[in-house]
All heavy atoms as atom14 arrays in JSON, in Angstrom:
{
  "sequence": "RSDAVTLDCEPADDAAVARMIDTHDVVLSF",
  "atom14_mask": [
    [1, 1, 1, 1, 1, 1, 1, 1, 1, 1, 1, 0, 0, 0],
    [1, 1, 1, 1, 1, 1, 0, 0, 0, 0, 0, 0, 0, 0],
    [1, 1, 1, 1, 1, 1, 1, 1, 0, 0, 0, 0, 0, 0],
    [1, 1, 1, 1, 1, 0, 0, 0, 0, 0, 0, 0, 0, 0],
    [1, 1, 1, 1, 1, 1, 1, 0, 0, 0, 0, 0, 0, 0],
    [1, 1, 1, 1, 1, 1, 1, 0, 0, 0, 0, 0, 0, 0],
    [1, 1, 1, 1, 1, 1, 1, 1, 0, 0, 0, 0, 0, 0],
    [1, 1, 1, 1, 1, 1, 1, 1, 0, 0, 0, 0, 0, 0],
    [1, 1, 1, 1, 1, 1, 0, 0, 0, 0, 0, 0, 0, 0],
    [1, 1, 1, 1, 1, 1, 1, 1, 1, 0, 0, 0, 0, 0],
    [1, 1, 1, 1, 1, 1, 1, 0, 0, 0, 0, 0, 0, 0],
    [1, 1, 1, 1, 1, 0, 0, 0, 0, 0, 0, 0, 0, 0],
    [1, 1, 1, 1, 1, 1, 1, 1, 0, 0, 0, 0, 0, 0],
    [1, 1, 1, 1, 1, 1, 1, 1, 0, 0, 0, 0, 0, 0],
    [1, 1, 1, 1, 1, 0, 0, 0, 0, 0, 0, 0, 0, 0],
    [1, 1, 1, 1, 1, 0, 0, 0, 0, 0, 0, 0, 0, 0],
    [1, 1, 1, 1, 1, 1, 1, 0, 0, 0, 0, 0, 0, 0],
    [1, 1, 1, 1, 1, 0, 0, 0, 0, 0, 0, 0, 0, 0],
    [1, 1, 1, 1, 1, 1, 1, 1, 1, 1, 1, 0, 0, 0],
    [1, 1, 1, 1, 1, 1, 1, 1, 0, 0, 0, 0, 0, 0],
    [1, 1, 1, 1, 1, 1, 1, 1, 0, 0, 0, 0, 0, 0],
    [1, 1, 1, 1, 1, 1, 1, 1, 0, 0, 0, 0, 0, 0],
    [1, 1, 1, 1, 1, 1, 1, 0, 0, 0, 0, 0, 0, 0],
    [1, 1, 1, 1, 1, 1, 1, 1, 1, 1, 0, 0, 0, 0],
    [1, 1, 1, 1, 1, 1, 1, 1, 0, 0, 0, 0, 0, 0],
    [1, 1, 1, 1, 1, 1, 1, 0, 0, 0, 0, 0, 0, 0],
    [1, 1, 1, 1, 1, 1, 1, 0, 0, 0, 0, 0, 0, 0],
    [1, 1, 1, 1, 1, 1, 1, 1, 0, 0, 0, 0, 0, 0],
    [1, 1, 1, 1, 1, 1, 0, 0, 0, 0, 0, 0, 0, 0],
    [1, 1, 1, 1, 1, 1, 1, 1, 1, 1, 1, 0, 0, 0]
  ],
  "atom14_positions": [
    [[0.85, -1.21, 0.0], [0.0, 0.0, 0.0], [0.87, 1.24, 0.0], [1.86, 1.32, 0.74], [-0.91, 0.01, 1.22], [-1.97, -1.05, 1.2], [-3.0, -0.9, 2.33], [-2.7, 0.1, 3.34], [-2.26, -0.17, 4.58], [-2.04, -1.42, 4.94], [-2.05, 0.81, 5.42], [0.0, 0.0, 0.0], [0.0, 0.0, 0.0], [0.0, 0.0, 0.0]],
    [[0.52, 2.23, -0.8], [1.32, 3.45, -0.89], [1.31, 4.24, 0.42], [2.27, 4.93, 0.73], [0.83, 4.34, -2.04], [-0.51, 4.72, -1.84], [0.0, 0.0, 0.0], [0.0, 0.0, 0.0], [0.0, 0.0, 0.0], [0.0, 0.0, 0.0], [0.0, 0.0, 0.0], [0.0, 0.0, 0.0], [0.0, 0.0, 0.0], [0.0, 0.0, 0.0]],
    [[0.24, 4.09, 1.21], [0.19, 4.8, 2.49], [0.96, 4.08, 3.6], [1.03, 4.56, 4.72], [-1.26, 5.05, 2.91], [-2.05, 3.78, 3.16], [-1.58, 2.69, 2.78], [-3.15, 3.89, 3.71], [0.0, 0.0, 0.0], [0.0, 0.0, 0.0], [0.0, 0.0, 0.0], [0.0, 0.0, 0.0], [0.0, 0.0, 0.0], [0.0, 0.0, 0.0]],
    [[1.55, 2.94, 3.28], [2.27, 2.16, 4.28], [3.79, 2.25, 4.11], [4.52, 1.69, 4.93], [1.85, 0.7, 4.22], [0.0, 0.0, 0.0], [0.0, 0.0, 0.0], [0.0, 0.0, 0.0], [0.0, 0.0, 0.0], [0.0, 0.0, 0.0], [0.0, 0.0, 0.0], [0.0, 0.0, 0.0], [0.0, 0.0, 0.0], [0.0, 0.0, 0.0]],
    [[4.28, 2.94, 3.07], [5.73, 3.0, 2.86], [6.4, 3.73, 4.02], [5.81, 4.61, 4.64], [6.1, 3.62, 1.5], [5.57, 2.79, 0.35], [5.64, 5.05, 1.4], [0.0, 0.0, 0.0], [0.0, 0.0, 0.0], [0.0, 0.0, 0.0], [0.0, 0.0, 0.0], [0.0, 0.0, 0.0], [0.0, 0.0, 0.0], [0.0, 0.0, 0.0]],
    [[7.63, 3.36, 4.29], [8.33, 3.84, 5.48], [9.14, 5.12, 5.27], [9.8, 5.57, 6.19], [9.27, 2.74, 6.01], [10.22, 2.41, 4.98], [8.49, 1.5, 6.41], [0.0, 0.0, 0.0], [0.0, 0.0, 0.0], [0.0, 0.0, 0.0], [0.0, 0.0, 0.0], [0.0, 0.0, 0.0], [0.0, 0.0, 0.0], [0.0, 0.0, 0.0]],
    [[9.08, 5.69, 4.08], [9.81, 6.92, 3.78], [8.86, 7.84, 3.03], [8.05, 7.38, 2.22], [11.04, 6.59, 2.92], [12.04, 7.69, 2.62], [12.71, 8.17, 3.91], [13.11, 7.18, 1.66], [0.0, 0.0, 0.0], [0.0, 0.0, 0.0], [0.0, 0.0, 0.0], [0.0, 0.0, 0.0], [0.0, 0.0, 0.0], [0.0, 0.0, 0.0]],
    [[8.93, 9.12, 3.31], [8.04, 10.07, 2.66], [8.48, 10.26, 1.21], [9.48, 10.92, 0.93], [8.07, 11.41, 3.41], [7.08, 12.4, 2.87], [6.08, 11.98, 2.25], [7.3, 13.61, 3.04], [0.0, 0.0, 0.0], [0.0, 0.0, 0.0], [0.0, 0.0, 0.0], [0.0, 0.0, 0.0], [0.0, 0.0, 0.0], [0.0, 0.0, 0.0]],
    [[7.75, 9.63, 0.29], [8.08, 9.68, -1.13], [6.88, 10.17, -1.93], [5.74, 9.9, -1.58], [8.46, 8.29, -1.65], [9.97, 7.63, -0.97], [0.0, 0.0, 0.0], [0.0, 0.0, 0.0], [0.0, 0.0, 0.0], [0.0, 0.0, 0.0], [0.0, 0.0, 0.0], [0.0, 0.0, 0.0], [0.0, 0.0, 0.0], [0.0, 0.0, 0.0]],
    [[7.18, 10.86, -3.01], [6.13, 11.31, -3.91], [5.75, 10.16, -4.84], [6.63, 9.48, -5.37], [6.63, 12.48, -4.75], [7.01, 13.71, -3.94], [7.63, 14.79, -4.79], [7.29, 14.9, -5.99], [8.46, 15.54, -4.25], [0.0, 0.0, 0.0], [0.0, 0.0, 0.0], [0.0, 0.0, 0.0], [0.0, 0.0, 0.0], [0.0, 0.0, 0.0]],
    [[4.47, 9.94, -5.06], [4.06, 8.88, -5.98], [4.4, 9.24, -7.42], [4.33, 10.41, -7.81], [2.54, 8.8, -5.77], [2.16, 10.12, -5.22], [3.34, 10.65, -4.47], [0.0, 0.0, 0.0], [0.0, 0.0, 0.0], [0.0, 0.0, 0.0], [0.0, 0.0, 0.0], [0.0, 0.0, 0.0], [0.0, 0.0, 0.0], [0.0, 0.0, 0.0]],
    [[4.79, 8.23, -8.19], [5.14, 8.45, -9.6], [4.52, 7.35, -10.45], [4.61, 6.17, -10.11], [6.66, 8.45, -9.76], [0.0, 0.0, 0.0], [0.0, 0.0, 0.0], [0.0, 0.0, 0.0], [0.0, 0.0, 0.0], [0.0, 0.0, 0.0], [0.0, 0.0, 0.0], [0.0, 0.0, 0.0], [0.0, 0.0, 0.0], [0.0, 0.0, 0.0]],
    [[3.92, 7.75, -11.56], [3.42, 6.77, -12.52], [4.48, 6.59, -13.61], [5.57, 7.15, -13.53], [2.07, 7.22, -13.1], [2.13, 8.57, -13.8], [3.24, 9.08, -14.1], [1.05, 9.13, -14.08], [0.0, 0.0, 0.0], [0.0, 0.0, 0.0], [0.0, 0.0, 0.0], [0.0, 0.0, 0.0], [0.0, 0.0, 0.0], [0.0, 0.0, 0.0]],
    [[4.16, 5.8, -14.62], [5.13, 5.52, -15.69], [5.59, 6.78, -16.4], [6.78, 6.95, -16.69], [4.54, 4.54, -16.71], [4.33, 3.15, -16.15], [5.03, 2.78, -15.18], [3.46, 2.43, -16.67], [0.0, 0.0, 0.0], [0.0, 0.0, 0.0], [0.0, 0.0, 0.0], [0.0, 0.0, 0.0], [0.0, 0.0, 0.0], [0.0, 0.0, 0.0]],
    [[4.66, 7.7, -16.67], [5.01, 8.94, -17.36], [5.94, 9.8, -16.52], [6.89, 10.4, -17.04], [3.74, 9.72, -17.72], [0.0, 0.0, 0.0], [0.0, 0.0, 0.0], [0.0, 0.0, 0.0], [0.0, 0.0, 0.0], [0.0, 0.0, 0.0], [0.0, 0.0, 0.0], [0.0, 0.0, 0.0], [0.0, 0.0, 0.0], [0.0, 0.0, 0.0]],
    [[5.7, 9.85, -15.21], [6.57, 10.63, -14.32], [7.97, 10.04, -14.27], [8.97, 10.77, -14.26], [5.97, 10.69, -12.92], [0.0, 0.0, 0.0], [0.0, 0.0, 0.0], [0.0, 0.0, 0.0], [0.0, 0.0, 0.0], [0.0, 0.0, 0.0], [0.0, 0.0, 0.0], [0.0, 0.0, 0.0], [0.0, 0.0, 0.0], [0.0, 0.0, 0.0]],
    [[8.07, 8.71, -14.26], [9.39, 8.06, -14.26], [10.13, 8.41, -15.55], [11.32, 8.75, -15.52], [9.25, 6.53, -14.09], [10.58, 5.83, -14.35], [8.76, 6.21, -12.68], [0.0, 0.0, 0.0], [0.0, 0.0, 0.0], [0.0, 0.0, 0.0], [0.0, 0.0, 0.0], [0.0, 0.0, 0.0], [0.0, 0.0, 0.0], [0.0, 0.0, 0.0]],
    [[9.46, 8.35, -16.68], [10.08, 8.69, -17.96], [10.57, 10.14, -17.95], [11.69, 10.43, -18.41], [9.1, 8.46, -19.11], [0.0, 0.0, 0.0], [0.0, 0.0, 0.0], [0.0, 0.0, 0.0], [0.0, 0.0, 0.0], [0.0, 0.0, 0.0], [0.0, 0.0, 0.0], [0.0, 0.0, 0.0], [0.0, 0.0, 0.0], [0.0, 0.0, 0.0]],
    [[9.77, 11.04, -17.4], [10.18, 12.45, -17.31], [11.4, 12.61, -16.43], [12.32, 13.37, -16.75], [9.03, 13.32, -16.79], [8.08, 13.81, -17.84], [7.14, 14.9, -17.31], [6.42, 14.54, -16.09], [5.32, 13.79, -16.06], [4.8, 13.31, -17.17], [4.73, 13.53, -14.9], [0.0, 0.0, 0.0], [0.0, 0.0, 0.0], [0.0, 0.0, 0.0]],
    [[11.42, 11.92, -15.3], [12.57, 12.01, -14.39], [13.84, 11.57, -15.09], [14.87, 12.24, -14.99], [12.35, 11.12, -13.16], [11.55, 11.76, -12.07], [11.46, 10.64, -10.66], [9.78, 10.06, -10.85], [0.0, 0.0, 0.0], [0.0, 0.0, 0.0], [0.0, 0.0, 0.0], [0.0, 0.0, 0.0], [0.0, 0.0, 0.0], [0.0, 0.0, 0.0]],
    [[13.77, 10.46, -15.78], [14.95, 9.94, -16.47], [15.4, 10.92, -17.56], [16.59, 11.16, -17.72], [14.67, 8.53, -17.03], [14.53, 7.55, -15.85], [15.76, 8.08, -17.99], [14.02, 6.18, -16.23], [0.0, 0.0, 0.0], [0.0, 0.0, 0.0], [0.0, 0.0, 0.0], [0.0, 0.0, 0.0], [0.0, 0.0, 0.0], [0.0, 0.0, 0.0]],
    [[14.45, 11.51, -18.27], [14.79, 12.46, -19.34], [15.34, 13.77, -18.83], [16.12, 14.42, -19.52], [13.55, 12.74, -20.2], [13.19, 11.58, -21.11], [14.04, 10.69, -21.32], [12.04, 11.57, -21.59], [0.0, 0.0, 0.0], [0.0, 0.0, 0.0], [0.0, 0.0, 0.0], [0.0, 0.0, 0.0], [0.0, 0.0, 0.0], [0.0, 0.0, 0.0]],
    [[14.93, 14.21, -17.64], [15.29, 15.55, -17.17], [16.5, 15.6, -16.25], [16.92, 16.69, -15.88], [14.1, 16.24, -16.49], [13.69, 15.45, -15.37], [12.94, 16.41, -17.46], [0.0, 0.0, 0.0], [0.0, 0.0, 0.0], [0.0, 0.0, 0.0], [0.0, 0.0, 0.0], [0.0, 0.0, 0.0], [0.0, 0.0, 0.0], [0.0, 0.0, 0.0]],
    [[17.04, 14.47, -15.88], [18.24, 14.47, -15.03], [19.48, 14.28, -15.9], [19.46, 13.54, -16.88], [18.16, 13.37, -13.97], [17.24, 13.71, -12.85], [15.88, 13.57, -12.94], [17.48, 14.22, -11.62], [15.32, 13.96, -11.82], [16.27, 14.36, -11.0], [0.0, 0.0, 0.0], [0.0, 0.0, 0.0], [0.0, 0.0, 0.0], [0.0, 0.0, 0.0]],
    [[20.53, 14.97, -15.52], [21.78, 14.88, -16.27], [22.45, 13.52, -16.1], [23.03, 12.98, -17.04], [22.77, 15.97, -15.82], [22.22, 17.37, -16.07], [21.78, 17.64, -17.21], [22.2, 18.17, -15.13], [0.0, 0.0, 0.0], [0.0, 0.0, 0.0], [0.0, 0.0, 0.0], [0.0, 0.0, 0.0], [0.0, 0.0, 0.0], [0.0, 0.0, 0.0]],
    [[22.38, 12.99, -14.9], [23.02, 11.71, -14.57], [21.97, 10.8, -13.94], [21.3, 11.19, -12.98], [24.21, 11.9, -13.6], [24.83, 10.56, -13.22], [25.24, 12.84, -14.19], [0.0, 0.0, 0.0], [0.0, 0.0, 0.0], [0.0, 0.0, 0.0], [0.0, 0.0, 0.0], [0.0, 0.0, 0.0], [0.0, 0.0, 0.0], [0.0, 0.0, 0.0]],
    [[21.82, 9.6, -14.49], [20.89, 8.61, -13.95], [21.69, 7.36, -13.59], [22.34, 6.77, -14.46], [19.77, 8.27, -14.96], [18.85, 7.19, -14.4], [18.98, 9.52, -15.33], [0.0, 0.0, 0.0], [0.0, 0.0, 0.0], [0.0, 0.0, 0.0], [0.0, 0.0, 0.0], [0.0, 0.0, 0.0], [0.0, 0.0, 0.0], [0.0, 0.0, 0.0]],
    [[21.64, 6.97, -12.34], [22.34, 5.79, -11.85], [21.32, 4.78, -11.37], [20.5, 5.1, -10.51], [23.29, 6.17, -10.72], [24.33, 7.25, -11.05], [24.99, 7.75, -9.8], [25.33, 6.71, -12.04], [0.0, 0.0, 0.0], [0.0, 0.0, 0.0], [0.0, 0.0, 0.0], [0.0, 0.0, 0.0], [0.0, 0.0, 0.0], [0.0, 0.0, 0.0]],
    [[21.36, 3.59, -11.91], [20.37, 2.57, -11.59], [21.05, 1.37, -10.94], [22.02, 0.84, -11.48], [19.63, 2.15, -12.87], [18.7, 1.15, -12.59], [0.0, 0.0, 0.0], [0.0, 0.0, 0.0], [0.0, 0.0, 0.0], [0.0, 0.0, 0.0], [0.0, 0.0, 0.0], [0.0, 0.0, 0.0], [0.0, 0.0, 0.0], [0.0, 0.0, 0.0]],
    [[20.54, 0.99, -9.78], [21.1, -0.15, -9.03], [20.02, -1.16, -8.77], [18.95, -0.86, -8.35], [21.67, 0.31, -7.7], [22.87, 1.2, -7.84], [22.73, 2.57, -8.02], [24.14, 0.67, -7.78], [23.83, 3.38, -8.14], [25.26, 1.48, -7.89], [25.1, 2.85, -8.07], [0.0, 0.0, 0.0], [0.0, 0.0, 0.0], [0.0, 0.0, 0.0]]
  ]
}
């Protein structure tokens, strides 16, 4: 459940993830 996560995070859908990847200069994925 999104209201049960243990860290205060903003919700992101697929389009938001794509925008984040496109708008950051450096993307590191682990």
